[in-house]
Amino acid sequence: MNLQDVRRFRRNMRSFERVSDAQVSGCCAQVTLAQCVVLMEIDENGRLTMGQLAARLRLDNSTLSRTIDLLVKRGLVERQGEERDRRVVRIRLTAAGKAACRDIHRENDDHCRRVFDRIPAAQRSAVIRNFEILVQAFLDYEADSLLGAGSRATASIGKDATASISRDKREVRS
């Protein structure tokens, strides 16, 4: 890729980040952006352990713990200990947390529909597919970086992306 295209891509990424951050912040008005990301992950995946949630969001445990503490205080999530192993703590949405997620989804879905209305109908699927390709490339690059120089890994888009990276790391090390 030539330098002019790299710079054009980077400029567009900066613009995209600014407008998408502003949109998400506006649609998550009842919580911070970090809290919104945590709520969406729990909503999509159900009860998760703190470790699973930290891995999926690529956060350290202390950062996640502080965010969860705030969500607990607001009554949006609750911690549940495992009966078989009290060291394992699962996080789940409360009724208020589920309601907040419904509101966030509705606002974000409406926003995305309005944005996609500005894209010709015949090109919408291609935009989505190309965005998936871009995200996949970033995930693959991140997986390679985690494995170190000379290694290649493949991550997968979706809720198991981090698990795939970890699994590949173990396979390479063994």
Foldseek 3Di string as FASTA:
>chain_A
DDPVVVVVVVVVVVVVVVVVLVQLCVLLVVDGSVLLVLLVLCVVPPKDWLVLSCLLVVHDSVVSVVSVVVCVVVQQKDWDADPVDRVTIIIGGDPVNVVSNVSSCVSVVVVVVVVCVPPPPVCPVVVVVVVLVVVQVVLQVVLDVVLDPPDGAGAHPDRCRSVRSVVVSVVVVD
